[in-house]
């Protein structure tokens, strides 16, 4: 279940709560019954492994094209 952050516009009470995606957003502060506002945070994403960098796809593409051209040239000479 994802965790959502809320902050009250009246009393500045801030808290996090786990809610299902199908649950409605909270609208009332549990402390003062004021209006809540959902906070959005940045999410860090890390891409690991091969295939995520320009140099990864370029080096594998060059070796395939050179091996296919050498095999086609050797088969045509036989």
PDB file of N, CA and C in Angstrom:
ATOM      1  N   UNK A   1       0.840  -1.179   0.000  1.00  0.00           N
ATOM      2  CA  UNK A   1       0.000   0.000   0.000  1.00  0.00           C
ATOM      3  C   UNK A   1       0.886   1.244   0.000  1.00  0.00           C
ATOM      4  N   UNK A   2       0.544   2.229  -0.813  1.00  0.00           N
ATOM      5  CA  UNK A   2       1.341   3.453  -0.848  1.00  0.00           C
ATOM      6  C   UNK A   2       1.109   4.324   0.387  1.00  0.00           C
ATOM      7  N   UNK A   3       2.115   5.112   0.701  1.00  0.00           N
ATOM      8  CA  UNK A   3       2.039   6.054   1.810  1.00  0.00           C
ATOM      9  C   UNK A   3       1.851   7.455   1.257  1.00  0.00           C
ATOM     10  N   UNK A   4       0.864   8.173   1.762  1.00  0.00           N
ATOM     11  CA  UNK A   4       0.566   9.534   1.324  1.00  0.00           C
ATOM     12  C   UNK A   4       0.837  10.512   2.460  1.00  0.00           C
ATOM     13  N   UNK A   5       1.284  11.706   2.100  1.00  0.00           N
ATOM     14  CA  UNK A   5       1.558  12.762   3.074  1.00  0.00           C
ATOM     15  C   UNK A   5       0.475  13.825   2.963  1.00  0.00           C
ATOM     16  N   UNK A   6       0.005  14.279   4.119  1.00  0.00           N
ATOM     17  CA  UNK A   6      -1.020  15.323   4.183  1.00  0.00           C
ATOM     18  C   UNK A   6      -0.548  16.430   5.118  1.00  0.00           C
ATOM     19  N   UNK A   7      -1.053  17.650   4.870  1.00  0.00           N
ATOM     20  CA  UNK A   7      -0.799  18.781   5.765  1.00  0.00           C
ATOM     21  C   UNK A   7      -2.074  19.594   5.866  1.00  0.00           C
ATOM     22  N   UNK A   8      -2.406  19.993   7.082  1.00  0.00           N
ATOM     23  CA  UNK A   8      -3.595  20.794   7.329  1.00  0.00           C
ATOM     24  C   UNK A   8      -3.324  22.248   6.950  1.00  0.00           C
ATOM     25  N   UNK A   9      -4.298  22.892   6.292  1.00  0.00           N
ATOM     26  CA  UNK A   9      -4.140  24.299   5.911  1.00  0.00           C
ATOM     27  C   UNK A   9      -4.433  25.231   7.083  1.00  0.00           C
ATOM     28  N   UNK A  10      -5.067  24.726   8.135  1.00  0.00           N
ATOM     29  CA  UNK A  10      -5.428  25.545   9.297  1.00  0.00           C
ATOM     30  C   UNK A  10      -4.348  25.507  10.383  1.00  0.00           C
ATOM     31  N   UNK A  11      -3.982  24.310  10.830  1.00  0.00           N
ATOM     32  CA  UNK A  11      -3.063  24.184  11.975  1.00  0.00           C
ATOM     33  C   UNK A  11      -1.669  23.701  11.589  1.00  0.00           C
ATOM     34  N   UNK A  12      -1.389  23.480  10.308  1.00  0.00           N
ATOM     35  CA  UNK A  12      -0.095  22.998   9.809  1.00  0.00           C
ATOM     36  C   UNK A  12       0.296  21.622  10.356  1.00  0.00           C
ATOM     37  N   UNK A  13      -0.670  20.848  10.796  1.00  0.00           N
ATOM     38  CA  UNK A  13      -0.414  19.483  11.235  1.00  0.00           C
ATOM     39  C   UNK A  13      -0.063  18.652   9.997  1.00  0.00           C
ATOM     40  N   UNK A  14       1.083  17.970  10.031  1.00  0.00           N
ATOM     41  CA  UNK A  14       1.518  17.140   8.902  1.00  0.00           C
ATOM     42  C   UNK A  14       1.632  15.696   9.371  1.00  0.00           C
ATOM     43  N   UNK A  15       1.191  14.768   8.519  1.00  0.00           N
ATOM     44  CA  UNK A  15       1.267  13.354   8.861  1.00  0.00           C
ATOM     45  C   UNK A  15       1.271  12.522   7.591  1.00  0.00           C
ATOM     46  N   UNK A  16       1.707  11.267   7.734  1.00  0.00           N
ATOM     47  CA  UNK A  16       1.719  10.290   6.650  1.00  0.00           C
ATOM     48  C   UNK A  16       0.729   9.188   6.984  1.00  0.00           C
ATOM     49  N   UNK A  17       0.097   8.645   5.956  1.00  0.00           N
ATOM     50  CA  UNK A  17      -0.858   7.564   6.170  1.00  0.00           C
ATOM     51  C   UNK A  17      -0.798   6.606   4.989  1.00  0.00           C
ATOM     52  N   UNK A  18      -0.934   5.314   5.293  1.00  0.00           N
ATOM     53  CA  UNK A  18      -0.976   4.307   4.233  1.00  0.00           C
ATOM     54  C   UNK A  18      -2.421   4.126   3.801  1.00  0.00           C
ATOM     55  N   UNK A  19      -2.648   4.246   2.490  1.00  0.00           N
ATOM     56  CA  UNK A  19      -3.978   4.084   1.938  1.00  0.00           C
ATOM     57  C   UNK A  19      -3.906   3.227   0.683  1.00  0.00           C
ATOM     58  N   UNK A  20      -4.951   2.483   0.424  1.00  0.00           N
ATOM     59  CA  UNK A  20      -5.043   1.726  -0.821  1.00  0.00           C
ATOM     60  C   UNK A  20      -5.301   2.697  -1.968  1.00  0.00           C
ATOM     61  N   UNK A  21      -4.953   2.297  -3.178  1.00  0.00           N
ATOM     62  CA  UNK A  21      -5.182   3.153  -4.328  1.00  0.00           C
ATOM     63  C   UNK A  21      -6.663   3.433  -4.540  1.00  0.00           C
ATOM     64  N   UNK A  22      -7.504   2.522  -4.123  1.00  0.00           N
ATOM     65  CA  UNK A  22      -8.942   2.695  -4.301  1.00  0.00           C
ATOM     66  C   UNK A  22      -9.577   3.585  -3.230  1.00  0.00           C
ATOM     67  N   UNK A  23      -8.855   3.891  -2.140  1.00  0.00           N
ATOM     68  CA  UNK A  23      -9.389   4.742  -1.071  1.00  0.00           C
ATOM     69  C   UNK A  23      -9.469   6.195  -1.527  1.00  0.00           C
ATOM     70  N   UNK A  24     -10.469   6.911  -1.021  1.00  0.00           N
ATOM     71  CA  UNK A  24     -10.593   8.341  -1.294  1.00  0.00           C
ATOM     72  C   UNK A  24      -9.559   9.114  -0.480  1.00  0.00           C
ATOM     73  N   UNK A  25      -9.168  10.283  -0.995  1.00  0.00           N
ATOM     74  CA  UNK A  25      -8.220  11.143  -0.285  1.00  0.00           C
ATOM     75  C   UNK A  25      -8.876  11.696   0.969  1.00  0.00           C
ATOM     76  N   UNK A  26      -8.070  11.910   2.008  1.00  0.00           N
ATOM     77  CA  UNK A  26      -8.585  12.506   3.232  1.00  0.00           C
ATOM     78  C   UNK A  26      -8.826  13.996   3.002  1.00  0.00           C
ATOM     79  N   UNK A  27      -9.876  14.536   3.609  1.00  0.00           N
ATOM     80  CA  UNK A  27     -10.203  15.953   3.416  1.00  0.00           C
ATOM     81  C   UNK A  27     -10.289  16.727   4.720  1.00  0.00           C
ATOM     82  N   UNK A  28     -10.354  16.022   5.852  1.00  0.00           N
ATOM     83  CA  UNK A  28     -10.536  16.685   7.139  1.00  0.00           C
ATOM     84  C   UNK A  28      -9.419  16.332   8.103  1.00  0.00           C
ATOM     85  N   UNK A  29      -8.815  17.346   8.707  1.00  0.00           N
ATOM     86  CA  UNK A  29      -7.726  17.159   9.672  1.00  0.00           C
ATOM     87  C   UNK A  29      -8.243  16.441  10.911  1.00  0.00           C
ATOM     88  N   UNK A  30      -7.530  15.409  11.366  1.00  0.00           N
ATOM     89  CA  UNK A  30      -7.973  14.706  12.568  1.00  0.00           C
ATOM     90  C   UNK A  30      -7.792  15.538  13.845  1.00  0.00           C
ATOM     91  N   UNK A  31      -6.934  16.565  13.814  1.00  0.00           N
ATOM     92  CA  UNK A  31      -6.683  17.389  15.004  1.00  0.00           C
ATOM     93  C   UNK A  31      -7.696  18.516  15.164  1.00  0.00           C
ATOM     94  N   UNK A  32      -7.850  19.324  14.092  1.00  0.00           N
ATOM     95  CA  UNK A  32      -8.666  20.531  14.222  1.00  0.00           C
ATOM     96  C   UNK A  32      -9.883  20.549  13.301  1.00  0.00           C
ATOM     97  N   UNK A  33     -10.068  19.492  12.511  1.00  0.00           N
ATOM     98  CA  UNK A  33     -11.180  19.381  11.549  1.00  0.00           C
ATOM     99  C   UNK A  33     -11.069  20.395  10.411  1.00  0.00           C
ATOM    100  N   UNK A  34      -9.857  20.933  10.190  1.00  0.00           N
ATOM    101  CA  UNK A  34      -9.613  21.863   9.088  1.00  0.00           C
ATOM    102  C   UNK A  34      -9.427  21.111   7.778  1.00  0.00           C
ATOM    103  N   UNK A  35      -9.178  21.859   6.716  1.00  0.00           N
ATOM    104  CA  UNK A  35      -9.040  21.291   5.373  1.00  0.00           C
ATOM    105  C   UNK A  35      -7.633  20.731   5.184  1.00  0.00           C
ATOM    106  N   UNK A  36      -7.532  19.491   4.674  1.00  0.00           N
ATOM    107  CA  UNK A  36      -6.245  18.853   4.418  1.00  0.00           C
ATOM    108  C   UNK A  36      -5.822  19.068   2.974  1.00  0.00           C
ATOM    109  N   UNK A  37      -4.521  19.088   2.799  1.00  0.00           N
ATOM    110  CA  UNK A  37      -3.944  19.189   1.468  1.00  0.00           C
ATOM    111  C   UNK A  37      -2.943  18.049   1.303  1.00  0.00           C
ATOM    112  N   UNK A  38      -3.048  17.324   0.180  1.00  0.00           N
ATOM    113  CA  UNK A  38      -2.134  16.214  -0.086  1.00  0.00           C
ATOM    114  C   UNK A  38      -0.804  16.778  -0.563  1.00  0.00           C
ATOM    115  N   UNK A  39       0.297  16.272   0.004  1.00  0.00           N
ATOM    116  CA  UNK A  39       1.641  16.707  -0.381  1.00  0.00           C
ATOM    117  C   UNK A  39       2.224  15.721  -1.384  1.00  0.00           C
ATOM    118  N   UNK A  40       2.927  16.242  -2.363  1.00  0.00           N
ATOM    119  CA  UNK A  40       3.571  15.398  -3.363  1.00  0.00           C
ATOM    120  C   UNK A  40       5.076  15.516  -3.204  1.00  0.00           C
ATOM    121  N   UNK A  41       5.737  14.390  -3.108  1.00  0.00           N
ATOM    122  CA  UNK A  41       7.181  14.352  -2.923  1.00  0.00           C
ATOM    123  C   UNK A  41       7.853  13.815  -4.175  1.00  0.00           C
ATOM    124  N   UNK A  42       9.115  14.147  -4.338  1.00  0.00           N
ATOM    125  CA  UNK A  42       9.874  13.605  -5.454  1.00  0.00           C
ATOM    126  C   UNK A  42      10.236  12.152  -5.160  1.00  0.00           C
ATOM    127  N   UNK A  43      10.361  11.386  -6.201  1.00  0.00           N
ATOM    128  CA  UNK A  43      10.688   9.976  -6.071  1.00  0.00           C
ATOM    129  C   UNK A  43      12.022   9.741  -6.758  1.00  0.00           C
ATOM    130  N   UNK A  44      12.946   9.133  -6.056  1.00  0.00           N
ATOM    131  CA  UNK A  44      14.241   8.816  -6.641  1.00  0.00           C
ATOM    132  C   UNK A  44      14.173   7.510  -7.408  1.00  0.00           C
ATOM    133  N   UNK A  45      14.653   7.525  -8.631  1.00  0.00           N
ATOM    134  CA  UNK A  45      14.643   6.330  -9.469  1.00  0.00           C
ATOM    135  C   UNK A  45      16.076   6.034  -9.888  1.00  0.00           C
ATOM    136  N   UNK A  46      16.488   4.792  -9.730  1.00  0.00           N
ATOM    137  CA  UNK A  46      17.822   4.365 -10.130  1.00  0.00           C
ATOM    138  C   UNK A  46      17.693   3.227 -11.120  1.00  0.00           C
ATOM    139  N   UNK A  47      18.321   3.377 -12.279  1.00  0.00           N
ATOM    140  CA  UNK A  47      18.311   2.331 -13.284  1.00  0.00           C
ATOM    141  C   UNK A  47      19.622   1.560 -13.192  1.00  0.00           C
ATOM    142  N   UNK A  48      19.546   0.289 -12.856  1.00  0.00           N
ATOM    143  CA  UNK A  48      20.722  -0.549 -12.727  1.00  0.00           C
ATOM    144  C   UNK A  48      20.703  -1.632 -13.798  1.00  0.00           C
ATOM    145  N   UNK A  49      21.877  -2.110 -14.144  1.00  0.00           N
ATOM    146  CA  UNK A  49      21.978  -3.183 -15.116  1.00  0.00           C
ATOM    147  C   UNK A  49      22.317  -2.668 -16.495  1.00  0.00           C
ATOM    148  N   UNK A  50      22.442  -3.582 -17.426  1.00  0.00           N
ATOM    149  CA  UNK A  50      22.805  -3.185 -18.776  1.00  0.00           C
ATOM    150  C   UNK A  50      21.556  -2.784 -19.549  1.00  0.00           C
ATOM    151  N   UNK A  51      21.747  -1.954 -20.564  1.00  0.00           N
ATOM    152  CA  UNK A  51      20.655  -1.540 -21.422  1.00  0.00           C
ATOM    153  C   UNK A  51      20.044  -0.212 -21.070  1.00  0.00           C
ATOM    154  N   UNK A  52      20.474   0.440 -19.999  1.00  0.00           N
ATOM    155  CA  UNK A  52      19.884   1.705 -19.592  1.00  0.00           C
ATOM    156  C   UNK A  52      20.705   2.907 -20.036  1.00  0.00           C
ATOM    157  N   UNK A  53      21.893   2.678 -20.538  1.00  0.00           N
ATOM    158  CA  UNK A  53      22.756   3.782 -20.915  1.00  0.00           C
ATOM    159  C   UNK A  53      22.974   3.780 -22.417  1.00  0.00           C
ATOM    160  N   UNK A  54      23.225   4.925 -22.978  1.00  0.00           N
ATOM    161  CA  UNK A  54      23.419   5.058 -24.414  1.00  0.00           C
ATOM    162  C   UNK A  54      24.591   4.207 -24.896  1.00  0.00           C
ATOM    163  N   UNK A  55      25.640   4.138 -24.104  1.00  0.00           N
ATOM    164  CA  UNK A  55      26.816   3.362 -24.490  1.00  0.00           C
ATOM    165  C   UNK A  55      26.538   1.864 -24.473  1.00  0.00           C
ATOM    166  N   UNK A  56      25.593   1.403 -23.632  1.00  0.00           N
ATOM    167  CA  UNK A  56      25.261  -0.019 -23.586  1.00  0.00           C
ATOM    168  C   UNK A  56      24.624  -0.467 -24.896  1.00  0.00           C
ATOM    169  N   UNK A  57      23.637   0.255 -25.361  1.00  0.00           N
ATOM    170  CA  UNK A  57      22.947  -0.159 -26.578  1.00  0.00           C
ATOM    171  C   UNK A  57      23.815   0.064 -27.803  1.00  0.00           C
ATOM    172  N   UNK A  58      24.655   1.100 -27.773  1.00  0.00           N
ATOM    173  CA  UNK A  58      25.504   1.381 -28.928  1.00  0.00           C
ATOM    174  C   UNK A  58      26.552   0.287 -29.093  1.00  0.00           C
ATOM    175  N   UNK A  59      27.194  -0.145 -28.006  1.00  0.00           N
ATOM    176  CA  UNK A  59      28.254  -1.149 -28.129  1.00  0.00           C
ATOM    177  C   UNK A  59      27.673  -2.495 -28.568  1.00  0.00           C
ATOM    178  N   UNK A  60      26.493  -2.857 -28.092  1.00  0.00           N
ATOM    179  CA  UNK A  60      25.907  -4.133 -28.497  1.00  0.00           C
ATOM    180  C   UNK A  60      25.398  -4.050 -29.935  1.00  0.00           C
ATOM    181  N   UNK A  61      24.949  -2.884 -30.375  1.00  0.00           N
ATOM    182  CA  UNK A  61      24.483  -2.712 -31.746  1.00  0.00           C
ATOM    183  C   UNK A  61      25.628  -2.767 -32.731  1.00  0.00           C
ATOM    184  N   UNK A  62      26.797  -2.205 -32.375  1.00  0.00           N
ATOM    185  CA  UNK A  62      27.957  -2.221 -33.262  1.00  0.00           C
ATOM    186  C   UNK A  62      28.493  -3.640 -33.449  1.00  0.00           C
ATOM    187  N   UNK A  63      28.529  -4.426 -32.397  1.00  0.00           N
ATOM    188  CA  UNK A  63      29.080  -5.778 -32.505  1.00  0.00           C
ATOM    189  C   UNK A  63      28.159  -6.664 -33.335  1.00  0.00           C
ATOM    190  N   UNK A  64      26.851  -6.456 -33.263  1.00  0.00           N
ATOM    191  CA  UNK A  64      25.919  -7.260 -34.056  1.00  0.00           C
ATOM    192  C   UNK A  64      26.052  -6.936 -35.535  1.00  0.00           C
ATOM    193  N   UNK A  65      26.160  -5.639 -35.846  1.00  0.00           N
ATOM    194  CA  UNK A  65      26.235  -5.253 -37.255  1.00  0.00           C
ATOM    195  C   UNK A  65      27.550  -5.693 -37.872  1.00  0.00           C
ATOM    196  N   UNK A  66      28.639  -5.647 -37.116  1.00  0.00           N
ATOM    197  CA  UNK A  66      29.930  -6.055 -37.664  1.00  0.00           C
ATOM    198  C   UNK A  66      30.007  -7.575 -37.818  1.00  0.00           C
ATOM    199  N   UNK A  67      29.402  -8.332 -36.906  1.00  0.00           N
ATOM    200  CA  UNK A  67      29.438  -9.790 -37.019  1.00  0.00           C
ATOM    201  C   UNK A  67      28.534 -10.261 -38.158  1.00  0.00           C
ATOM    202  N   UNK A  68      27.411  -9.587 -38.378  1.00  0.00           N
ATOM    203  CA  UNK A  68      26.529  -9.997 -39.466  1.00  0.00           C
ATOM    204  C   UNK A  68      27.131  -9.652 -40.833  1.00  0.00           C
ATOM    205  N   UNK A  69      27.856  -8.527 -40.897  1.00  0.00           N
ATOM    206  CA  UNK A  69      28.474  -8.167 -42.175  1.00  0.00           C
ATOM    207  C   UNK A  69      29.646  -9.084 -42.486  1.00  0.00           C
ATOM    208  N   UNK A  70      30.385  -9.518 -41.460  1.00  0.00           N
ATOM    209  CA  UNK A  70      31.507 -10.412 -41.710  1.00  0.00           C
ATOM    210  C   UNK A  70      31.018 -11.810 -42.083  1.00  0.00           C
ATOM    211  N   UNK A  71      29.918 -12.257 -41.497  1.00  0.00           N
ATOM    212  CA  UNK A  71      29.400 -13.570 -41.842  1.00  0.00           C
ATOM    213  C   UNK A  71      28.792 -13.565 -43.238  1.00  0.00           C
ATOM    214  N   UNK A  72      28.180 -12.450 -43.644  1.00  0.00           N
ATOM    215  CA  UNK A  72      27.601 -12.393 -44.992  1.00  0.00           C
ATOM    216  C   UNK A  72      28.686 -12.299 -46.044  1.00  0.00           C
ATOM    217  N   UNK A  73      29.802 -11.618 -45.708  1.00  0.00           N
ATOM    218  CA  UNK A  73      30.905 -11.520 -46.677  1.00  0.00           C
ATOM    219  C   UNK A  73      31.617 -12.856 -46.814  1.00  0.00           C
ATOM    220  N   UNK A  74      31.743 -13.614 -45.719  1.00  0.00           N
ATOM    221  CA  UNK A  74      32.426 -14.899 -45.798  1.00  0.00           C
ATOM    222  C   UNK A  74      31.529 -15.938 -46.485  1.00  0.00           C
ATOM    223  N   UNK A  75      30.209 -15.831 -46.341  1.00  0.00           N
ATOM    224  CA  UNK A  75      29.333 -16.797 -46.993  1.00  0.00           C
ATOM    225  C   UNK A  75      29.243 -16.529 -48.502  1.00  0.00           C
ATOM    226  N   UNK A  76      29.393 -15.265 -48.916  1.00  0.00           N
ATOM    227  CA  UNK A  76      29.319 -14.953 -50.327  1.00  0.00           C
ATOM    228  C   UNK A  76      30.598 -15.356 -51.064  1.00  0.00           C
ATOM    229  N   UNK A  77      31.726 -15.418 -50.339  1.00  0.00           N
ATOM    230  CA  UNK A  77      32.968 -15.792 -50.969  1.00  0.00           C
ATOM    231  C   UNK A  77      33.127 -17.307 -51.068  1.00  0.00           C
ATOM    232  N   UNK A  78      32.352 -18.109 -50.309  1.00  0.00           N
ATOM    233  CA  UNK A  78      32.486 -19.555 -50.338  1.00  0.00           C
ATOM    234  C   UNK A  78      31.895 -20.164 -51.548  1.00  0.00           C
TER     235      UNK A  78
END
